[in-house]
Amino acid sequence: MAGTPVRFLAVSLETDTRRVRVAMERLKLQLPVATAESEMLGPLTLATVPATIFIDASGQVVSRLGSASKADLKAHAEQLLRQGATASRTGAPAALR
């Protein structure tokens, strides 16, 4: 997926930013992280955590996954990117671009 326009954001349910920072360091994660109050989970329609939400460039949610392996996440992201490339060539709805 090198060179593809994909960005990641972690959202933590933990509101204590110090604990979040320590966890990110322990897990060796280097990506932006936001701490969320429970009110934020409603608009994201999260039923369980962990969850992965795929959002297109226009801000539309195009897919969701629950707990998944790194290989499953990569395969799903690649599938969405292929669909998006096909959608942009065929004039499909923006939610797929």
PDB file of N, CA and C in Angstrom:
ATOM      1  N   MET A   1       0.821  -1.193   0.000  1.00  0.00           N
ATOM      2  CA  MET A   1       0.000   0.000   0.000  1.00  0.00           C
ATOM      3  C   MET A   1       0.863   1.256   0.000  1.00  0.00           C
ATOM      4  N   ALA A   2       2.141   1.084  -0.189  1.00  0.00           N
ATOM      5  CA  ALA A   2       3.028   2.247  -0.212  1.00  0.00           C
ATOM      6  C   ALA A   2       2.586   3.224  -1.285  1.00  0.00           C
ATOM      7  N   GLY A   3       2.586   4.488  -0.925  1.00  0.00           N
ATOM      8  CA  GLY A   3       2.219   5.521  -1.882  1.00  0.00           C
ATOM      9  C   GLY A   3       0.734   5.771  -2.012  1.00  0.00           C
ATOM     10  N   THR A   4      -0.095   5.048  -1.255  1.00  0.00           N
ATOM     11  CA  THR A   4      -1.540   5.262  -1.323  1.00  0.00           C
ATOM     12  C   THR A   4      -1.955   6.302  -0.305  1.00  0.00           C
ATOM     13  N   PRO A   5      -3.030   7.034  -0.598  1.00  0.00           N
ATOM     14  CA  PRO A   5      -3.463   8.123   0.291  1.00  0.00           C
ATOM     15  C   PRO A   5      -4.263   7.621   1.494  1.00  0.00           C
ATOM     16  N   VAL A   6      -3.604   6.918   2.406  1.00  0.00           N
ATOM     17  CA  VAL A   6      -4.277   6.371   3.583  1.00  0.00           C
ATOM     18  C   VAL A   6      -3.679   7.020   4.824  1.00  0.00           C
ATOM     19  N   ARG A   7      -4.545   7.453   5.712  1.00  0.00           N
ATOM     20  CA  ARG A   7      -4.095   8.022   6.985  1.00  0.00           C
ATOM     21  C   ARG A   7      -4.813   7.296   8.113  1.00  0.00           C
ATOM     22  N   PHE A   8      -4.183   7.257   9.278  1.00  0.00           N
ATOM     23  CA  PHE A   8      -4.742   6.555  10.416  1.00  0.00           C
ATOM     24  C   PHE A   8      -4.867   7.496  11.607  1.00  0.00           C
ATOM     25  N   LEU A   9      -5.897   7.285  12.393  1.00  0.00           N
ATOM     26  CA  LEU A   9      -6.123   8.014  13.630  1.00  0.00           C
ATOM     27  C   LEU A   9      -6.630   7.015  14.658  1.00  0.00           C
ATOM     28  N   ALA A  10      -5.987   6.976  15.790  1.00  0.00           N
ATOM     29  CA  ALA A  10      -6.453   6.131  16.881  1.00  0.00           C
ATOM     30  C   ALA A  10      -7.396   6.957  17.750  1.00  0.00           C
ATOM     31  N   VAL A  11      -8.446   6.327  18.227  1.00  0.00           N
ATOM     32  CA  VAL A  11      -9.369   6.966  19.165  1.00  0.00           C
ATOM     33  C   VAL A  11      -9.388   6.102  20.412  1.00  0.00           C
ATOM     34  N   SER A  12      -9.066   6.713  21.525  1.00  0.00           N
ATOM     35  CA  SER A  12      -9.030   5.991  22.787  1.00  0.00           C
ATOM     36  C   SER A  12     -10.260   6.314  23.619  1.00  0.00           C
ATOM     37  N   LEU A  13     -10.794   5.297  24.263  1.00  0.00           N
ATOM     38  CA  LEU A  13     -11.902   5.506  25.186  1.00  0.00           C
ATOM     39  C   LEU A  13     -11.417   6.055  26.520  1.00  0.00           C
ATOM     40  N   GLU A  14     -10.117   5.933  26.755  1.00  0.00           N
ATOM     41  CA  GLU A  14      -9.507   6.449  27.973  1.00  0.00           C
ATOM     42  C   GLU A  14      -9.402   7.974  27.867  1.00  0.00           C
ATOM     43  N   THR A  15      -9.935   8.669  28.848  1.00  0.00           N
ATOM     44  CA  THR A  15      -9.906  10.132  28.803  1.00  0.00           C
ATOM     45  C   THR A  15      -8.666  10.722  29.474  1.00  0.00           C
ATOM     46  N   ASP A  16      -7.922   9.910  30.219  1.00  0.00           N
ATOM     47  CA  ASP A  16      -6.691  10.363  30.874  1.00  0.00           C
ATOM     48  C   ASP A  16      -5.571  10.354  29.830  1.00  0.00           C
ATOM     49  N   THR A  17      -5.211  11.532  29.334  1.00  0.00           N
ATOM     50  CA  THR A  17      -4.236  11.614  28.249  1.00  0.00           C
ATOM     51  C   THR A  17      -2.861  11.070  28.642  1.00  0.00           C
ATOM     52  N   ARG A  18      -2.508  11.152  29.907  1.00  0.00           N
ATOM     53  CA  ARG A  18      -1.228  10.586  30.355  1.00  0.00           C
ATOM     54  C   ARG A  18      -1.221   9.078  30.164  1.00  0.00           C
ATOM     55  N   ARG A  19      -2.303   8.424  30.550  1.00  0.00           N
ATOM     56  CA  ARG A  19      -2.390   6.966  30.386  1.00  0.00           C
ATOM     57  C   ARG A  19      -2.378   6.575  28.906  1.00  0.00           C
ATOM     58  N   VAL A  20      -3.027   7.380  28.082  1.00  0.00           N
ATOM     59  CA  VAL A  20      -3.038   7.116  26.639  1.00  0.00           C
ATOM     60  C   VAL A  20      -1.621   7.223  26.087  1.00  0.00           C
ATOM     61  N   ARG A  21      -0.901   8.272  26.466  1.00  0.00           N
ATOM     62  CA  ARG A  21       0.471   8.476  25.994  1.00  0.00           C
ATOM     63  C   ARG A  21       1.357   7.307  26.410  1.00  0.00           C
ATOM     64  N   VAL A  22       1.236   6.857  27.646  1.00  0.00           N
ATOM     65  CA  VAL A  22       2.033   5.730  28.145  1.00  0.00           C
ATOM     66  C   VAL A  22       1.703   4.465  27.351  1.00  0.00           C
ATOM     67  N   ALA A  23       0.437   4.223  27.098  1.00  0.00           N
ATOM     68  CA  ALA A  23       0.034   3.038  26.331  1.00  0.00           C
ATOM     69  C   ALA A  23       0.565   3.101  24.901  1.00  0.00           C
ATOM     70  N   MET A  24       0.491   4.270  24.289  1.00  0.00           N
ATOM     71  CA  MET A  24       0.996   4.422  22.919  1.00  0.00           C
ATOM     72  C   MET A  24       2.502   4.150  22.878  1.00  0.00           C
ATOM     73  N   GLU A  25       3.235   4.633  23.869  1.00  0.00           N
ATOM     74  CA  GLU A  25       4.674   4.382  23.932  1.00  0.00           C
ATOM     75  C   GLU A  25       4.954   2.899  24.144  1.00  0.00           C
ATOM     76  N   ARG A  26       4.207   2.280  25.051  1.00  0.00           N
ATOM     77  CA  ARG A  26       4.408   0.856  25.341  1.00  0.00           C
ATOM     78  C   ARG A  26       4.132   0.000  24.112  1.00  0.00           C
ATOM     79  N   LEU A  27       3.112   0.369  23.340  1.00  0.00           N
ATOM     80  CA  LEU A  27       2.754  -0.378  22.133  1.00  0.00           C
ATOM     81  C   LEU A  27       3.576   0.034  20.911  1.00  0.00           C
ATOM     82  N   LYS A  28       4.429   1.048  21.100  1.00  0.00           N
ATOM     83  CA  LYS A  28       5.268   1.576  20.017  1.00  0.00           C
ATOM     84  C   LYS A  28       4.418   2.032  18.820  1.00  0.00           C
ATOM     85  N   LEU A  29       3.314   2.692  19.129  1.00  0.00           N
ATOM     86  CA  LEU A  29       2.442   3.235  18.089  1.00  0.00           C
ATOM     87  C   LEU A  29       2.806   4.683  17.834  1.00  0.00           C
ATOM     88  N   GLN A  30       2.994   5.016  16.594  1.00  0.00           N
ATOM     89  CA  GLN A  30       3.334   6.383  16.223  1.00  0.00           C
ATOM     90  C   GLN A  30       2.304   6.885  15.212  1.00  0.00           C
ATOM     91  N   LEU A  31       1.154   7.251  15.713  1.00  0.00           N
ATOM     92  CA  LEU A  31       0.095   7.810  14.889  1.00  0.00           C
ATOM     93  C   LEU A  31      -0.701   8.773  15.748  1.00  0.00           C
ATOM     94  N   PRO A  32      -1.444   9.664  15.114  1.00  0.00           N
ATOM     95  CA  PRO A  32      -2.252  10.587  15.912  1.00  0.00           C
ATOM     96  C   PRO A  32      -3.271   9.813  16.749  1.00  0.00           C
ATOM     97  N   VAL A  33      -3.523  10.314  17.947  1.00  0.00           N
ATOM     98  CA  VAL A  33      -4.516   9.672  18.807  1.00  0.00           C
ATOM     99  C   VAL A  33      -5.408  10.738  19.417  1.00  0.00           C
ATOM    100  N   ALA A  34      -6.692  10.446  19.441  1.00  0.00           N
ATOM    101  CA  ALA A  34      -7.660  11.332  20.072  1.00  0.00           C
ATOM    102  C   ALA A  34      -8.295  10.579  21.225  1.00  0.00           C
ATOM    103  N   THR A  35      -8.573  11.295  22.295  1.00  0.00           N
ATOM    104  CA  THR A  35      -9.300  10.674  23.392  1.00  0.00           C
ATOM    105  C   THR A  35     -10.760  11.061  23.242  1.00  0.00           C
ATOM    106  N   ALA A  36     -11.623  10.102  23.440  1.00  0.00           N
ATOM    107  CA  ALA A  36     -13.044  10.327  23.181  1.00  0.00           C
ATOM    108  C   ALA A  36     -13.872  10.158  24.437  1.00  0.00           C
ATOM    109  N   GLU A  37     -14.796  11.045  24.597  1.00  0.00           N
ATOM    110  CA  GLU A  37     -15.816  10.870  25.608  1.00  0.00           C
ATOM    111  C   GLU A  37     -16.861   9.924  25.009  1.00  0.00           C
ATOM    112  N   SER A  38     -17.656   9.279  25.818  1.00  0.00           N
ATOM    113  CA  SER A  38     -18.621   8.312  25.305  1.00  0.00           C
ATOM    114  C   SER A  38     -19.609   8.923  24.319  1.00  0.00           C
ATOM    115  N   GLU A  39     -19.847  10.247  24.426  1.00  0.00           N
ATOM    116  CA  GLU A  39     -20.776  10.904  23.511  1.00  0.00           C
ATOM    117  C   GLU A  39     -20.302  10.835  22.059  1.00  0.00           C
ATOM    118  N   MET A  40     -18.991  10.710  21.856  1.00  0.00           N
ATOM    119  CA  MET A  40     -18.462  10.646  20.502  1.00  0.00           C
ATOM    120  C   MET A  40     -18.781   9.317  19.829  1.00  0.00           C
ATOM    121  N   LEU A  41     -18.985   8.285  20.613  1.00  0.00           N
ATOM    122  CA  LEU A  41     -19.193   6.958  20.051  1.00  0.00           C
ATOM    123  C   LEU A  41     -20.525   6.833  19.332  1.00  0.00           C
ATOM    124  N   GLY A  42     -21.535   7.582  19.721  1.00  0.00           N
ATOM    125  CA  GLY A  42     -22.842   7.524  19.071  1.00  0.00           C
ATOM    126  C   GLY A  42     -22.783   7.844  17.595  1.00  0.00           C
ATOM    127  N   PRO A  43     -22.237   9.000  17.206  1.00  0.00           N
ATOM    128  CA  PRO A  43     -22.159   9.330  15.781  1.00  0.00           C
ATOM    129  C   PRO A  43     -21.324   8.338  14.974  1.00  0.00           C
ATOM    130  N   LEU A  44     -20.365   7.683  15.620  1.00  0.00           N
ATOM    131  CA  LEU A  44     -19.554   6.698  14.913  1.00  0.00           C
ATOM    132  C   LEU A  44     -20.254   5.346  14.833  1.00  0.00           C
ATOM    133  N   THR A  45     -21.370   5.208  15.513  1.00  0.00           N
ATOM    134  CA  THR A  45     -22.154   3.968  15.588  1.00  0.00           C
ATOM    135  C   THR A  45     -21.285   2.761  15.916  1.00  0.00           C
ATOM    136  N   LEU A  46     -20.473   2.916  16.958  1.00  0.00           N
ATOM    137  CA  LEU A  46     -19.648   1.810  17.414  1.00  0.00           C
ATOM    138  C   LEU A  46     -20.446   0.952  18.376  1.00  0.00           C
ATOM    139  N   ALA A  47     -20.522  -0.333  18.076  1.00  0.00           N
ATOM    140  CA  ALA A  47     -21.218  -1.254  18.960  1.00  0.00           C
ATOM    141  C   ALA A  47     -20.235  -1.942  19.902  1.00  0.00           C
ATOM    142  N   THR A  48     -18.998  -2.126  19.437  1.00  0.00           N
ATOM    143  CA  THR A  48     -17.972  -2.783  20.234  1.00  0.00           C
ATOM    144  C   THR A  48     -16.637  -2.093  20.010  1.00  0.00           C
ATOM    145  N   VAL A  49     -15.721  -2.315  20.927  1.00  0.00           N
ATOM    146  CA  VAL A  49     -14.341  -1.880  20.747  1.00  0.00           C
ATOM    147  C   VAL A  49     -13.457  -3.081  21.037  1.00  0.00           C
ATOM    148  N   PRO A  50     -12.340  -3.262  20.370  1.00  0.00           N
ATOM    149  CA  PRO A  50     -11.827  -2.347  19.365  1.00  0.00           C
ATOM    150  C   PRO A  50     -12.642  -2.411  18.080  1.00  0.00           C
ATOM    151  N   ALA A  51     -12.555  -1.352  17.329  1.00  0.00           N
ATOM    152  CA  ALA A  51     -13.231  -1.273  16.040  1.00  0.00           C
ATOM    153  C   ALA A  51     -12.362  -0.456  15.092  1.00  0.00           C
ATOM    154  N   THR A  52     -12.494  -0.728  13.827  1.00  0.00           N
ATOM    155  CA  THR A  52     -11.809   0.048  12.799  1.00  0.00           C
ATOM    156  C   THR A  52     -12.869   0.620  11.888  1.00  0.00           C
ATOM    157  N   ILE A  53     -12.814   1.918  11.684  1.00  0.00           N
ATOM    158  CA  ILE A  53     -13.771   2.597  10.818  1.00  0.00           C
ATOM    159  C   ILE A  53     -12.993   3.153   9.637  1.00  0.00           C
ATOM    160  N   PHE A  54     -13.452   2.856   8.442  1.00  0.00           N
ATOM    161  CA  PHE A  54     -12.816   3.358   7.226  1.00  0.00           C
ATOM    162  C   PHE A  54     -13.649   4.521   6.714  1.00  0.00           C
ATOM    163  N   ILE A  55     -13.010   5.675   6.582  1.00  0.00           N
ATOM    164  CA  ILE A  55     -13.677   6.912   6.167  1.00  0.00           C
ATOM    165  C   ILE A  55     -13.001   7.401   4.895  1.00  0.00           C
ATOM    166  N   ASP A  56     -13.805   7.734   3.887  1.00  0.00           N
ATOM    167  CA  ASP A  56     -13.222   8.189   2.627  1.00  0.00           C
ATOM    168  C   ASP A  56     -12.806   9.653   2.712  1.00  0.00           C
ATOM    169  N   ALA A  57     -12.236  10.153   1.629  1.00  0.00           N
ATOM    170  CA  ALA A  57     -11.704  11.517   1.613  1.00  0.00           C
ATOM    171  C   ALA A  57     -12.777  12.574   1.822  1.00  0.00           C
ATOM    172  N   SER A  58     -14.042  12.239   1.527  1.00  0.00           N
ATOM    173  CA  SER A  58     -15.116  13.209   1.719  1.00  0.00           C
ATOM    174  C   SER A  58     -15.718  13.140   3.120  1.00  0.00           C
ATOM    175  N   GLY A  59     -15.172  12.253   3.978  1.00  0.00           N
ATOM    176  CA  GLY A  59     -15.652  12.148   5.351  1.00  0.00           C
ATOM    177  C   GLY A  59     -16.781  11.156   5.556  1.00  0.00           C
ATOM    178  N   GLN A  60     -17.094  10.366   4.533  1.00  0.00           N
ATOM    179  CA  GLN A  60     -18.164   9.376   4.641  1.00  0.00           C
ATOM    180  C   GLN A  60     -17.614   8.050   5.151  1.00  0.00           C
ATOM    181  N   VAL A  61     -18.322   7.435   6.100  1.00  0.00           N
ATOM    182  CA  VAL A  61     -17.938   6.107   6.575  1.00  0.00           C
ATOM    183  C   VAL A  61     -18.276   5.119   5.468  1.00  0.00           C
ATOM    184  N   VAL A  62     -17.270   4.366   5.017  1.00  0.00           N
ATOM    185  CA  VAL A  62     -17.497   3.406   3.933  1.00  0.00           C
ATOM    186  C   VAL A  62     -17.443   1.959   4.406  1.00  0.00           C
ATOM    187  N   SER A  63     -16.890   1.726   5.609  1.00  0.00           N
ATOM    188  CA  SER A  63     -16.805   0.353   6.097  1.00  0.00           C
ATOM    189  C   SER A  63     -16.434   0.351   7.577  1.00  0.00           C
ATOM    190  N   ARG A  64     -16.747  -0.760   8.229  1.00  0.00           N
ATOM    191  CA  ARG A  64     -16.395  -0.953   9.639  1.00  0.00           C
ATOM    192  C   ARG A  64     -15.928  -2.384   9.839  1.00  0.00           C
ATOM    193  N   LEU A  65     -14.976  -2.561  10.728  1.00  0.00           N
ATOM    194  CA  LEU A  65     -14.537  -3.892  11.138  1.00  0.00           C
ATOM    195  C   LEU A  65     -14.432  -3.913  12.651  1.00  0.00           C
ATOM    196  N   GLY A  66     -14.697  -5.050  13.225  1.00  0.00           N
ATOM    197  CA  GLY A  66     -14.462  -5.222  14.649  1.00  0.00           C
ATOM    198  C   GLY A  66     -13.006  -5.572  14.866  1.00  0.00           C
ATOM    199  N   SER A  67     -12.723  -6.344  15.872  1.00  0.00           N
ATOM    200  CA  SER A  67     -11.360  -6.771  16.138  1.00  0.00           C
ATOM    201  C   SER A  67     -10.860  -7.576  14.941  1.00  0.00           C
ATOM    202  N   ALA A  68      -9.692  -7.225  14.426  1.00  0.00           N
ATOM    203  CA  ALA A  68      -9.163  -7.897  13.250  1.00  0.00           C
ATOM    204  C   ALA A  68      -7.643  -7.971  13.344  1.00  0.00           C
ATOM    205  N   SER A  69      -7.098  -8.960  12.666  1.00  0.00           N
ATOM    206  CA  SER A  69      -5.640  -9.098  12.621  1.00  0.00           C
ATOM    207  C   SER A  69      -5.048  -8.058  11.681  1.00  0.00           C
ATOM    208  N   LYS A  70      -3.756  -7.873  11.769  1.00  0.00           N
ATOM    209  CA  LYS A  70      -3.067  -6.940  10.881  1.00  0.00           C
ATOM    210  C   LYS A  70      -3.286  -7.351   9.421  1.00  0.00           C
ATOM    211  N   ALA A  71      -3.219  -8.639   9.138  1.00  0.00           N
ATOM    212  CA  ALA A  71      -3.417  -9.127   7.767  1.00  0.00           C
ATOM    213  C   ALA A  71      -4.831  -8.835   7.282  1.00  0.00           C
ATOM    214  N   ASP A  72      -5.823  -9.030   8.162  1.00  0.00           N
ATOM    215  CA  ASP A  72      -7.216  -8.745   7.784  1.00  0.00           C
ATOM    216  C   ASP A  72      -7.427  -7.259   7.524  1.00  0.00           C
ATOM    217  N   LEU A  73      -6.850  -6.407   8.374  1.00  0.00           N
ATOM    218  CA  LEU A  73      -6.964  -4.955   8.179  1.00  0.00           C
ATOM    219  C   LEU A  73      -6.342  -4.534   6.853  1.00  0.00           C
ATOM    220  N   LYS A  74      -5.157  -5.071   6.558  1.00  0.00           N
ATOM    221  CA  LYS A  74      -4.472  -4.732   5.313  1.00  0.00           C
ATOM    222  C   LYS A  74      -5.289  -5.184   4.108  1.00  0.00           C
ATOM    223  N   ALA A  75      -5.793  -6.408   4.138  1.00  0.00           N
ATOM    224  CA  ALA A  75      -6.582  -6.929   3.019  1.00  0.00           C
ATOM    225  C   ALA A  75      -7.846  -6.100   2.813  1.00  0.00           C
ATOM    226  N   HIS A  76      -8.495  -5.719   3.901  1.00  0.00           N
ATOM    227  CA  HIS A  76      -9.728  -4.936   3.795  1.00  0.00           C
ATOM    228  C   HIS A  76      -9.433  -3.536   3.240  1.00  0.00           C
ATOM    229  N   ALA A  77      -8.368  -2.912   3.727  1.00  0.00           N
ATOM    230  CA  ALA A  77      -7.986  -1.586   3.233  1.00  0.00           C
ATOM    231  C   ALA A  77      -7.639  -1.646   1.747  1.00  0.00           C
ATOM    232  N   GLU A  78      -6.903  -2.678   1.340  1.00  0.00           N
ATOM    233  CA  GLU A  78      -6.555  -2.820  -0.077  1.00  0.00           C
ATOM    234  C   GLU A  78      -7.802  -3.016  -0.937  1.00  0.00           C
ATOM    235  N   GLN A  79      -8.759  -3.790  -0.438  1.00  0.00           N
ATOM    236  CA  GLN A  79     -10.013  -3.997  -1.169  1.00  0.00           C
ATOM    237  C   GLN A  79     -10.765  -2.672  -1.329  1.00  0.00           C
ATOM    238  N   LEU A  80     -10.850  -1.887  -0.258  1.00  0.00           N
ATOM    239  CA  LEU A  80     -11.529  -0.597  -0.330  1.00  0.00           C
ATOM    240  C   LEU A  80     -10.823   0.353  -1.287  1.00  0.00           C
ATOM    241  N   LEU A  81      -9.492   0.332  -1.265  1.00  0.00           N
ATOM    242  CA  LEU A  81      -8.747   1.193  -2.186  1.00  0.00           C
ATOM    243  C   LEU A  81      -8.997   0.786  -3.639  1.00  0.00           C
ATOM    244  N   ARG A  82      -9.037  -0.528  -3.910  1.00  0.00           N
ATOM    245  CA  ARG A  82      -9.346  -0.995  -5.271  1.00  0.00           C
ATOM    246  C   ARG A  82     -10.744  -0.557  -5.676  1.00  0.00           C
ATOM    247  N   GLN A  83     -11.711  -0.696  -4.766  1.00  0.00           N
ATOM    248  CA  GLN A  83     -13.088  -0.280  -5.059  1.00  0.00           C
ATOM    249  C   GLN A  83     -13.149   1.219  -5.311  1.00  0.00           C
ATOM    250  N   GLY A  84     -12.410   1.984  -4.525  1.00  0.00           N
ATOM    251  CA  GLY A  84     -12.381   3.430  -4.701  1.00  0.00           C
ATOM    252  C   GLY A  84     -11.790   3.825  -6.033  1.00  0.00           C
ATOM    253  N   ALA A  85     -10.731   3.126  -6.453  1.00  0.00           N
ATOM    254  CA  ALA A  85     -10.113   3.412  -7.752  1.00  0.00           C
ATOM    255  C   ALA A  85     -11.090   3.079  -8.868  1.00  0.00           C
ATOM    256  N   THR A  86     -11.793   1.974  -8.733  1.00  0.00           N
ATOM    257  CA  THR A  86     -12.785   1.590  -9.737  1.00  0.00           C
ATOM    258  C   THR A  86     -13.935   2.581  -9.741  1.00  0.00           C
ATOM    259  N   ALA A  87     -14.376   3.004  -8.543  1.00  0.00           N
ATOM    260  CA  ALA A  87     -15.494   3.944  -8.443  1.00  0.00           C
ATOM    261  C   ALA A  87     -15.161   5.276  -9.096  1.00  0.00           C
ATOM    262  N   SER A  88     -13.920   5.749  -8.910  1.00  0.00           N
ATOM    263  CA  SER A  88     -13.571   7.042  -9.490  1.00  0.00           C
ATOM    264  C   SER A  88     -13.497   6.965 -11.017  1.00  0.00           C
ATOM    265  N   ARG A  89     -13.175   5.794 -11.562  1.00  0.00           N
ATOM    266  CA  ARG A  89     -13.131   5.635 -13.015  1.00  0.00           C
ATOM    267  C   ARG A  89     -14.520   5.449 -13.609  1.00  0.00           C
ATOM    268  N   THR A  90     -15.447   4.908 -12.829  1.00  0.00           N
ATOM    269  CA  THR A  90     -16.774   4.603 -13.358  1.00  0.00           C
ATOM    270  C   THR A  90     -17.825   5.630 -12.971  1.00  0.00           C
ATOM    271  N   GLY A  91     -17.429   6.630 -12.184  1.00  0.00           N
ATOM    272  CA  GLY A  91     -18.403   7.645 -11.764  1.00  0.00           C
ATOM    273  C   GLY A  91     -19.331   7.149 -10.679  1.00  0.00           C
ATOM    274  N   ALA A  92     -18.888   6.172  -9.879  1.00  0.00           N
ATOM    275  CA  ALA A  92     -19.709   5.656  -8.791  1.00  0.00           C
ATOM    276  C   ALA A  92     -19.876   6.716  -7.715  1.00  0.00           C
ATOM    277  N   PRO A  93     -20.820   6.502  -6.797  1.00  0.00           N
ATOM    278  CA  PRO A  93     -21.068   7.468  -5.721  1.00  0.00           C
ATOM    279  C   PRO A  93     -19.796   7.804  -4.932  1.00  0.00           C
ATOM    280  N   ALA A  94     -19.741   9.027  -4.444  1.00  0.00           N
ATOM    281  CA  ALA A  94     -18.566   9.517  -3.718  1.00  0.00           C
ATOM    282  C   ALA A  94     -18.240   8.668  -2.510  1.00  0.00           C
ATOM    283  N   ALA A  95     -19.228   8.013  -1.900  1.00  0.00           N
ATOM    284  CA  ALA A  95     -18.963   7.189  -0.705  1.00  0.00           C
ATOM    285  C   ALA A  95     -18.007   6.058  -1.025  1.00  0.00           C
ATOM    286  N   LEU A  96     -17.876   5.694  -2.289  1.00  0.00           N
ATOM    287  CA  LEU A  96     -16.945   4.632  -2.659  1.00  0.00           C
ATOM    288  C   LEU A  96     -15.629   5.179  -3.179  1.00  0.00           C
ATOM    289  N   ARG A  97     -15.497   6.469  -3.278  1.00  0.00           N
ATOM    290  CA  ARG A  97     -14.243   7.057  -3.795  1.00  0.00           C
ATOM    291  C   ARG A  97     -13.285   7.339  -2.688  1.00  0.00           C
TER     292      ARG A  97
END
